[in-house]
Amino acid sequence: MERPLRTLTTRLMATAFLRHFGFTQVPMLYYCRPSVLFLDDDRIVLKIPLMRRTRNHLGSMYFGALSVGADAAGGLMAMHAIRKSKRNVSLIFKDAAAQFLKRADGDVLFTCTQGKALAALVQAAIESAERVEMPVEVVATVPDKHGDEPVARFTLTISLKHRA
């Protein structure tokens, strides 16, 4: 019984953190109303609902909202690793690439499974005086309509630097 409670608490705290960060720092992130469905040291699953705010004129998710979801999933996965390190590491995205494969015509889940690699990148940033970078993959799916088939794939280059 202890593990599900911890998972629920982690989800709620991560969602609250993400929304607070969006409200105070990145309003577009807050506007899209992302929720964290799962977060551990290996993987994050984040949901952005298809609603009036995130929909385009064809009734599918606007590519900007899809990009916000990829940004949030990759960024929060890296921030999770940074917070666990208890060090002052700055994070920025250097570049991004996307492949839009199908219409995202429902609530979209964004999954990043590179938690361990990001933790290693955080450690490399702490040990180095230089900026370190890594491409991070985020896959977007619409399970209600397309199952596990991706509707979009994103590659974001995360750049970290330790601030002593």
C-alpha atoms as a PDB file:
ATOM      1  CA  MET A   1       0.000   0.000   0.000  1.00  0.00           C
ATOM      2  CA  GLU A   2       2.947   2.333   0.537  1.00  0.00           C
ATOM      3  CA  ARG A   3       4.149   2.368  -3.086  1.00  0.00           C
ATOM      4  CA  PRO A   4       0.867   3.553  -4.726  1.00  0.00           C
ATOM      5  CA  LEU A   5       0.595   6.372  -2.181  1.00  0.00           C
ATOM      6  CA  ARG A   6       4.150   7.485  -2.937  1.00  0.00           C
ATOM      7  CA  THR A   7       3.406   7.338  -6.681  1.00  0.00           C
ATOM      8  CA  LEU A   8       0.231   9.413  -6.237  1.00  0.00           C
ATOM      9  CA  THR A   9       2.072  11.933  -4.077  1.00  0.00           C
ATOM     10  CA  THR A  10       4.886  12.160  -6.646  1.00  0.00           C
ATOM     11  CA  ARG A  11       2.364  12.736  -9.454  1.00  0.00           C
ATOM     12  CA  LEU A  12       0.487  15.420  -7.544  1.00  0.00           C
ATOM     13  CA  MET A  13       3.649  17.211  -6.441  1.00  0.00           C
ATOM     14  CA  ALA A  14       5.129  17.077  -9.952  1.00  0.00           C
ATOM     15  CA  THR A  15       1.907  18.408 -11.494  1.00  0.00           C
ATOM     16  CA  ALA A  16       1.718  21.189  -8.882  1.00  0.00           C
ATOM     17  CA  PHE A  17       5.377  22.079  -9.492  1.00  0.00           C
ATOM     18  CA  LEU A  18       4.873  22.098 -13.275  1.00  0.00           C
ATOM     19  CA  ARG A  19       1.778  24.293 -13.086  1.00  0.00           C
ATOM     20  CA  HIS A  20       3.387  26.696 -10.597  1.00  0.00           C
ATOM     21  CA  PHE A  21       6.473  26.934 -12.799  1.00  0.00           C
ATOM     22  CA  GLY A  22       4.217  27.564 -15.790  1.00  0.00           C
ATOM     23  CA  PHE A  23       2.148  30.186 -13.995  1.00  0.00           C
ATOM     24  CA  THR A  24       5.180  32.098 -12.700  1.00  0.00           C
ATOM     25  CA  GLN A  25       7.794  31.522 -15.419  1.00  0.00           C
ATOM     26  CA  VAL A  26       6.310  30.145 -18.669  1.00  0.00           C
ATOM     27  CA  PRO A  27       2.636  31.137 -19.045  1.00  0.00           C
ATOM     28  CA  MET A  28       2.147  29.075 -22.230  1.00  0.00           C
ATOM     29  CA  LEU A  29       2.982  25.965 -20.225  1.00  0.00           C
ATOM     30  CA  TYR A  30       0.312  26.842 -17.655  1.00  0.00           C
ATOM     31  CA  TYR A  31      -2.198  27.682 -20.387  1.00  0.00           C
ATOM     32  CA  CYS A  32      -1.987  24.143 -21.837  1.00  0.00           C
ATOM     33  CA  ARG A  33      -2.755  22.572 -18.398  1.00  0.00           C
ATOM     34  CA  PRO A  34      -0.347  19.610 -18.431  1.00  0.00           C
ATOM     35  CA  SER A  35      -0.684  16.861 -15.820  1.00  0.00           C
ATOM     36  CA  VAL A  36       1.980  14.382 -14.753  1.00  0.00           C
ATOM     37  CA  LEU A  37       0.592  10.838 -14.937  1.00  0.00           C
ATOM     38  CA  PHE A  38       3.815   9.033 -14.020  1.00  0.00           C
ATOM     39  CA  LEU A  39       7.276  10.089 -12.885  1.00  0.00           C
ATOM     40  CA  ASP A  40      10.187   8.071 -11.590  1.00  0.00           C
ATOM     41  CA  ASP A  41      13.960   8.090 -12.119  1.00  0.00           C
ATOM     42  CA  ASP A  42      13.604   6.381 -15.517  1.00  0.00           C
ATOM     43  CA  ARG A  43      10.461   7.718 -17.169  1.00  0.00           C
ATOM     44  CA  ILE A  44       7.858  10.461 -17.266  1.00  0.00           C
ATOM     45  CA  VAL A  45       4.394  10.400 -18.798  1.00  0.00           C
ATOM     46  CA  LEU A  46       2.681  13.767 -19.097  1.00  0.00           C
ATOM     47  CA  LYS A  47      -0.797  14.521 -20.485  1.00  0.00           C
ATOM     48  CA  ILE A  48      -2.111  17.595 -22.264  1.00  0.00           C
ATOM     49  CA  PRO A  49      -5.871  17.462 -22.796  1.00  0.00           C
ATOM     50  CA  LEU A  50      -7.418  18.253 -26.151  1.00  0.00           C
ATOM     51  CA  MET A  51      -9.621  21.250 -25.375  1.00  0.00           C
ATOM     52  CA  ARG A  52     -10.502  24.593 -26.855  1.00  0.00           C
ATOM     53  CA  ARG A  53      -7.149  26.067 -25.757  1.00  0.00           C
ATOM     54  CA  THR A  54      -5.040  23.371 -27.412  1.00  0.00           C
ATOM     55  CA  ARG A  55      -7.126  22.574 -30.505  1.00  0.00           C
ATOM     56  CA  ASN A  56      -6.533  23.830 -34.030  1.00  0.00           C
ATOM     57  CA  HIS A  57      -9.138  24.657 -36.669  1.00  0.00           C
ATOM     58  CA  LEU A  58      -9.294  20.972 -37.762  1.00  0.00           C
ATOM     59  CA  GLY A  59     -10.159  19.671 -34.292  1.00  0.00           C
ATOM     60  CA  SER A  60      -6.776  18.127 -33.554  1.00  0.00           C
ATOM     61  CA  MET A  61      -4.080  19.367 -31.201  1.00  0.00           C
ATOM     62  CA  TYR A  62      -2.261  22.468 -32.418  1.00  0.00           C
ATOM     63  CA  PHE A  63       1.424  21.835 -33.140  1.00  0.00           C
ATOM     64  CA  GLY A  64       2.381  24.555 -30.636  1.00  0.00           C
ATOM     65  CA  ALA A  65       0.555  22.692 -27.854  1.00  0.00           C
ATOM     66  CA  LEU A  66       2.275  19.469 -28.932  1.00  0.00           C
ATOM     67  CA  SER A  67       5.615  21.269 -28.697  1.00  0.00           C
ATOM     68  CA  VAL A  68       4.731  22.530 -25.216  1.00  0.00           C
ATOM     69  CA  GLY A  69       4.058  18.925 -24.157  1.00  0.00           C
ATOM     70  CA  ALA A  70       7.404  17.716 -25.502  1.00  0.00           C
ATOM     71  CA  ASP A  71       9.188  20.635 -23.822  1.00  0.00           C
ATOM     72  CA  ALA A  72       7.465  19.912 -20.505  1.00  0.00           C
ATOM     73  CA  ALA A  73       8.137  16.153 -20.588  1.00  0.00           C
ATOM     74  CA  GLY A  74      11.816  16.459 -21.494  1.00  0.00           C
ATOM     75  CA  GLY A  75      12.387  19.447 -19.248  1.00  0.00           C
ATOM     76  CA  LEU A  76      10.654  17.974 -16.199  1.00  0.00           C
ATOM     77  CA  MET A  77      12.556  14.704 -16.600  1.00  0.00           C
ATOM     78  CA  ALA A  78      15.818  16.703 -16.543  1.00  0.00           C
ATOM     79  CA  MET A  79      14.604  18.894 -13.657  1.00  0.00           C
ATOM     80  CA  HIS A  80      13.777  15.745 -11.682  1.00  0.00           C
ATOM     81  CA  ALA A  81      17.390  14.593 -12.083  1.00  0.00           C
ATOM     82  CA  ILE A  82      18.696  18.062 -11.171  1.00  0.00           C
ATOM     83  CA  ARG A  83      16.551  18.233  -8.017  1.00  0.00           C
ATOM     84  CA  LYS A  84      17.769  14.792  -6.920  1.00  0.00           C
ATOM     85  CA  SER A  85      21.386  15.956  -7.309  1.00  0.00           C
ATOM     86  CA  LYS A  86      20.702  18.869  -4.910  1.00  0.00           C
ATOM     87  CA  ARG A  87      23.055  21.031  -6.957  1.00  0.00           C
ATOM     88  CA  ASN A  88      22.547  24.282  -8.843  1.00  0.00           C
ATOM     89  CA  VAL A  89      22.415  23.248 -12.497  1.00  0.00           C
ATOM     90  CA  SER A  90      20.896  25.483 -15.176  1.00  0.00           C
ATOM     91  CA  LEU A  91      18.856  23.915 -17.961  1.00  0.00           C
ATOM     92  CA  ILE A  92      18.046  25.229 -21.405  1.00  0.00           C
ATOM     93  CA  PHE A  93      16.929  23.699 -24.689  1.00  0.00           C
ATOM     94  CA  LYS A  94      19.457  24.275 -27.448  1.00  0.00           C
ATOM     95  CA  ASP A  95      17.336  23.066 -30.358  1.00  0.00           C
ATOM     96  CA  ALA A  96      14.328  20.964 -31.236  1.00  0.00           C
ATOM     97  CA  ALA A  97      13.138  18.785 -34.102  1.00  0.00           C
ATOM     98  CA  ALA A  98       9.720  17.226 -34.575  1.00  0.00           C
ATOM     99  CA  GLN A  99       8.003  14.701 -36.787  1.00  0.00           C
ATOM    100  CA  PHE A 100       4.223  14.988 -36.866  1.00  0.00           C
ATOM    101  CA  LEU A 101       2.974  11.559 -37.945  1.00  0.00           C
ATOM    102  CA  LYS A 102      -0.807  11.574 -37.390  1.00  0.00           C
ATOM    103  CA  ARG A 103      -3.540  13.909 -36.249  1.00  0.00           C
ATOM    104  CA  ALA A 104      -3.536  14.216 -32.472  1.00  0.00           C
ATOM    105  CA  ASP A 105      -7.314  14.079 -32.164  1.00  0.00           C
ATOM    106  CA  GLY A 106      -7.599  13.352 -28.443  1.00  0.00           C
ATOM    107  CA  ASP A 107      -5.784  13.869 -25.148  1.00  0.00           C
ATOM    108  CA  VAL A 108      -2.060  13.469 -25.835  1.00  0.00           C
ATOM    109  CA  LEU A 109       0.441  11.605 -23.658  1.00  0.00           C
ATOM    110  CA  PHE A 110       4.088  12.644 -23.868  1.00  0.00           C
ATOM    111  CA  THR A 111       6.623  10.023 -22.772  1.00  0.00           C
ATOM    112  CA  CYS A 112      10.338  10.396 -22.135  1.00  0.00           C
ATOM    113  CA  THR A 113      12.291   7.302 -21.044  1.00  0.00           C
ATOM    114  CA  GLN A 114      15.782   8.749 -20.691  1.00  0.00           C
ATOM    115  CA  GLY A 115      15.830   9.478 -16.968  1.00  0.00           C
ATOM    116  CA  LYS A 116      19.028   7.550 -16.251  1.00  0.00           C
ATOM    117  CA  ALA A 117      20.860   9.168 -19.165  1.00  0.00           C
ATOM    118  CA  LEU A 118      19.717  12.600 -17.965  1.00  0.00           C
ATOM    119  CA  ALA A 119      20.921  11.822 -14.425  1.00  0.00           C
ATOM    120  CA  ALA A 120      24.330  10.939 -15.910  1.00  0.00           C
ATOM    121  CA  LEU A 121      24.281  14.212 -17.872  1.00  0.00           C
ATOM    122  CA  VAL A 122      23.534  16.145 -14.668  1.00  0.00           C
ATOM    123  CA  GLN A 123      26.489  14.420 -13.001  1.00  0.00           C
ATOM    124  CA  ALA A 124      28.715  15.276 -15.991  1.00  0.00           C
ATOM    125  CA  ALA A 125      27.621  18.935 -15.725  1.00  0.00           C
ATOM    126  CA  ILE A 126      28.461  18.975 -12.004  1.00  0.00           C
ATOM    127  CA  GLU A 127      31.919  17.475 -12.618  1.00  0.00           C
ATOM    128  CA  SER A 128      32.679  19.777 -15.562  1.00  0.00           C
ATOM    129  CA  ALA A 129      33.034  23.523 -15.706  1.00  0.00           C
ATOM    130  CA  GLU A 130      31.677  23.369 -19.250  1.00  0.00           C
ATOM    131  CA  ARG A 131      28.159  23.191 -20.664  1.00  0.00           C
ATOM    132  CA  VAL A 132      27.099  19.617 -21.517  1.00  0.00           C
ATOM    133  CA  GLU A 133      24.417  18.614 -24.013  1.00  0.00           C
ATOM    134  CA  MET A 134      22.318  15.614 -24.915  1.00  0.00           C
ATOM    135  CA  PRO A 135      19.463  14.904 -27.335  1.00  0.00           C
ATOM    136  CA  VAL A 136      16.309  13.773 -25.540  1.00  0.00           C
ATOM    137  CA  GLU A 137      13.539  11.851 -27.263  1.00  0.00           C
ATOM    138  CA  VAL A 138       9.862  12.458 -26.453  1.00  0.00           C
ATOM    139  CA  VAL A 139       7.092  10.396 -28.029  1.00  0.00           C
ATOM    140  CA  ALA A 140       3.511  11.680 -28.238  1.00  0.00           C
ATOM    141  CA  THR A 141       0.611   9.220 -28.355  1.00  0.00           C
ATOM    142  CA  VAL A 142      -3.196   9.396 -28.268  1.00  0.00           C
ATOM    143  CA  PRO A 143      -4.094   6.095 -26.567  1.00  0.00           C
ATOM    144  CA  ASP A 144      -7.872   6.561 -26.839  1.00  0.00           C
ATOM    145  CA  LYS A 145      -7.706   6.807 -30.641  1.00  0.00           C
ATOM    146  CA  HIS A 146      -4.420   5.244 -31.794  1.00  0.00           C
ATOM    147  CA  GLY A 147      -3.223   3.011 -28.943  1.00  0.00           C
ATOM    148  CA  ASP A 148       0.570   3.034 -28.562  1.00  0.00           C
ATOM    149  CA  GLU A 149       1.152   4.280 -32.114  1.00  0.00           C
ATOM    150  CA  PRO A 150       3.023   7.619 -32.050  1.00  0.00           C
ATOM    151  CA  VAL A 151       1.310  10.719 -33.404  1.00  0.00           C
ATOM    152  CA  ALA A 152       4.535  12.749 -33.089  1.00  0.00           C
ATOM    153  CA  ARG A 153       8.191  12.305 -32.165  1.00  0.00           C
ATOM    154  CA  PHE A 154      10.372  15.068 -30.786  1.00  0.00           C
ATOM    155  CA  THR A 155      14.127  15.358 -30.342  1.00  0.00           C
ATOM    156  CA  LEU A 156      15.145  18.172 -27.992  1.00  0.00           C
ATOM    157  CA  THR A 157      18.762  18.974 -27.195  1.00  0.00           C
ATOM    158  CA  ILE A 158      19.057  19.689 -23.487  1.00  0.00           C
ATOM    159  CA  SER A 159      22.010  21.811 -22.417  1.00  0.00           C
ATOM    160  CA  LEU A 160      23.120  21.879 -18.769  1.00  0.00           C
ATOM    161  CA  LYS A 161      25.706  23.868 -16.851  1.00  0.00           C
ATOM    162  CA  HIS A 162      26.662  23.631 -13.198  1.00  0.00           C
ATOM    163  CA  ARG A 163      26.562  26.927 -11.346  1.00  0.00           C
ATOM    164  CA  ALA A 164      28.903  26.813  -8.390  1.00  0.00           C
END
